[in-house]
Amino acid sequence: MTDIKKAMLDPTAVFDNPLQVLHASDLTQEQKIEILQRWRYDEELLETAEGENMARGGEKDILESILEALRALGVNQ
C-alpha cells in the first residue's frame, strides 16, 4: 500500500520513477496527478539550481519521464 502522505511530500521517498506512480493501482487518478505535479515542481527547482552551478543528483531525463506520465493521465502542460 502506497504511503500517500509521504508521496505527496516527497515522491522520491516512495517511488523510484514516475512510471511507478502511473501504475500504482491503489492511487486515484487525482492522487497520481498531484504526486507527479509535486515531483515535477521539485525537478524544475533542481534544474534551476543546476543552471546556477549548484550540485544536483539524480537522472537528467527524469523531468521528461514525469511529463510523459502526466500526459498519459490526460494532463496537458
C-alpha atoms as a PDB file:
ATOM      1  CA  MET A   1       0.000   0.000   0.000  1.00  0.00           C
ATOM      2  CA  THR A   2       1.332   3.391  -1.002  1.00  0.00           C
ATOM      3  CA  ASP A   3       2.118   5.879   1.759  1.00  0.00           C
ATOM      4  CA  ILE A   4       0.153   8.705   0.133  1.00  0.00           C
ATOM      5  CA  LYS A   5       1.061  11.395   2.668  1.00  0.00           C
ATOM      6  CA  LYS A   6       4.757  10.632   2.282  1.00  0.00           C
ATOM      7  CA  ALA A   7       4.450  10.505  -1.511  1.00  0.00           C
ATOM      8  CA  MET A   8       2.738  13.899  -1.572  1.00  0.00           C
ATOM      9  CA  LEU A   9       5.590  15.451   0.417  1.00  0.00           C
ATOM     10  CA  ASP A  10       8.476  13.675  -1.309  1.00  0.00           C
ATOM     11  CA  PRO A  11       7.609  11.434  -4.274  1.00  0.00           C
ATOM     12  CA  THR A  12      11.175  10.096  -4.496  1.00  0.00           C
ATOM     13  CA  ALA A  13      10.898   8.719  -0.964  1.00  0.00           C
ATOM     14  CA  VAL A  14       8.147   6.363  -2.154  1.00  0.00           C
ATOM     15  CA  PHE A  15       8.702   5.874  -5.893  1.00  0.00           C
ATOM     16  CA  ASP A  16      11.857   5.085  -7.874  1.00  0.00           C
ATOM     17  CA  ASN A  17      10.479   6.560 -11.095  1.00  0.00           C
ATOM     18  CA  PRO A  18       7.357   8.281 -12.463  1.00  0.00           C
ATOM     19  CA  LEU A  19       6.086   5.112 -14.127  1.00  0.00           C
ATOM     20  CA  GLN A  20       5.633   3.555 -10.697  1.00  0.00           C
ATOM     21  CA  VAL A  21       3.262   6.401  -9.839  1.00  0.00           C
ATOM     22  CA  LEU A  22       1.399   5.907 -13.111  1.00  0.00           C
ATOM     23  CA  HIS A  23       0.941   2.180 -12.458  1.00  0.00           C
ATOM     24  CA  ALA A  24       0.141   2.357  -8.715  1.00  0.00           C
ATOM     25  CA  SER A  25      -3.214   0.601  -8.509  1.00  0.00           C
ATOM     26  CA  ASP A  26      -4.043   1.913  -5.043  1.00  0.00           C
ATOM     27  CA  LEU A  27      -3.917   5.603  -6.078  1.00  0.00           C
ATOM     28  CA  THR A  28      -6.705   7.560  -7.713  1.00  0.00           C
ATOM     29  CA  GLN A  29      -6.006   9.467 -10.908  1.00  0.00           C
ATOM     30  CA  GLU A  30      -6.168  12.717  -8.946  1.00  0.00           C
ATOM     31  CA  GLN A  31      -3.602  11.451  -6.422  1.00  0.00           C
ATOM     32  CA  LYS A  32      -1.281  10.331  -9.219  1.00  0.00           C
ATOM     33  CA  ILE A  33      -1.532  13.736 -10.884  1.00  0.00           C
ATOM     34  CA  GLU A  34      -0.875  15.563  -7.619  1.00  0.00           C
ATOM     35  CA  ILE A  35       2.161  13.400  -6.821  1.00  0.00           C
ATOM     36  CA  LEU A  36       3.566  13.806 -10.332  1.00  0.00           C
ATOM     37  CA  GLN A  37       2.953  17.562 -10.271  1.00  0.00           C
ATOM     38  CA  ARG A  38       4.854  17.790  -6.971  1.00  0.00           C
ATOM     39  CA  TRP A  39       7.690  15.727  -8.428  1.00  0.00           C
ATOM     40  CA  ARG A  40       7.716  17.970 -11.498  1.00  0.00           C
ATOM     41  CA  TYR A  41       7.955  21.083  -9.319  1.00  0.00           C
ATOM     42  CA  ASP A  42      10.851  19.583  -7.344  1.00  0.00           C
ATOM     43  CA  GLU A  43      12.698  18.607 -10.530  1.00  0.00           C
ATOM     44  CA  GLU A  44      12.226  22.056 -12.037  1.00  0.00           C
ATOM     45  CA  LEU A  45      13.759  23.569  -8.882  1.00  0.00           C
ATOM     46  CA  LEU A  46      16.694  21.179  -9.190  1.00  0.00           C
ATOM     47  CA  GLU A  47      17.190  22.147 -12.829  1.00  0.00           C
ATOM     48  CA  THR A  48      17.232  25.806 -11.823  1.00  0.00           C
ATOM     49  CA  ALA A  49      19.835  25.068  -9.170  1.00  0.00           C
ATOM     50  CA  GLU A  50      21.890  23.148 -11.714  1.00  0.00           C
ATOM     51  CA  GLY A  51      21.682  26.121 -14.072  1.00  0.00           C
ATOM     52  CA  GLU A  52      23.139  28.245 -11.293  1.00  0.00           C
ATOM     53  CA  ASN A  53      26.081  25.822 -10.991  1.00  0.00           C
ATOM     54  CA  MET A  54      24.760  24.193  -7.855  1.00  0.00           C
ATOM     55  CA  ALA A  55      25.203  20.471  -7.326  1.00  0.00           C
ATOM     56  CA  ARG A  56      22.451  18.166  -8.498  1.00  0.00           C
ATOM     57  CA  GLY A  57      21.920  14.460  -8.114  1.00  0.00           C
ATOM     58  CA  GLY A  58      19.596  12.160  -9.986  1.00  0.00           C
ATOM     59  CA  GLU A  59      18.770  11.401 -13.577  1.00  0.00           C
ATOM     60  CA  LYS A  60      18.817  14.145 -16.177  1.00  0.00           C
ATOM     61  CA  ASP A  61      15.772  12.798 -18.048  1.00  0.00           C
ATOM     62  CA  ILE A  62      13.512  12.360 -15.014  1.00  0.00           C
ATOM     63  CA  LEU A  63      11.576  15.527 -15.833  1.00  0.00           C
ATOM     64  CA  GLU A  64      10.705  14.165 -19.278  1.00  0.00           C
ATOM     65  CA  SER A  65       9.514  10.917 -17.662  1.00  0.00           C
ATOM     66  CA  ILE A  66       7.313  12.907 -15.296  1.00  0.00           C
ATOM     67  CA  LEU A  67       5.841  14.878 -18.192  1.00  0.00           C
ATOM     68  CA  GLU A  68       5.162  11.654 -20.136  1.00  0.00           C
ATOM     69  CA  ALA A  69       3.374  10.160 -17.127  1.00  0.00           C
ATOM     70  CA  LEU A  70       1.269  13.307 -16.748  1.00  0.00           C
ATOM     71  CA  ARG A  71       0.360  13.204 -20.453  1.00  0.00           C
ATOM     72  CA  ALA A  72      -0.682   9.556 -20.042  1.00  0.00           C
ATOM     73  CA  LEU A  73      -3.059  10.751 -17.316  1.00  0.00           C
ATOM     74  CA  GLY A  74      -4.517  13.361 -19.642  1.00  0.00           C
ATOM     75  CA  VAL A  75      -2.729  16.382 -18.187  1.00  0.00           C
ATOM     76  CA  ASN A  76      -1.662  18.952 -20.766  1.00  0.00           C
ATOM     77  CA  GLN A  77       1.337  21.046 -19.787  1.00  0.00           C
END
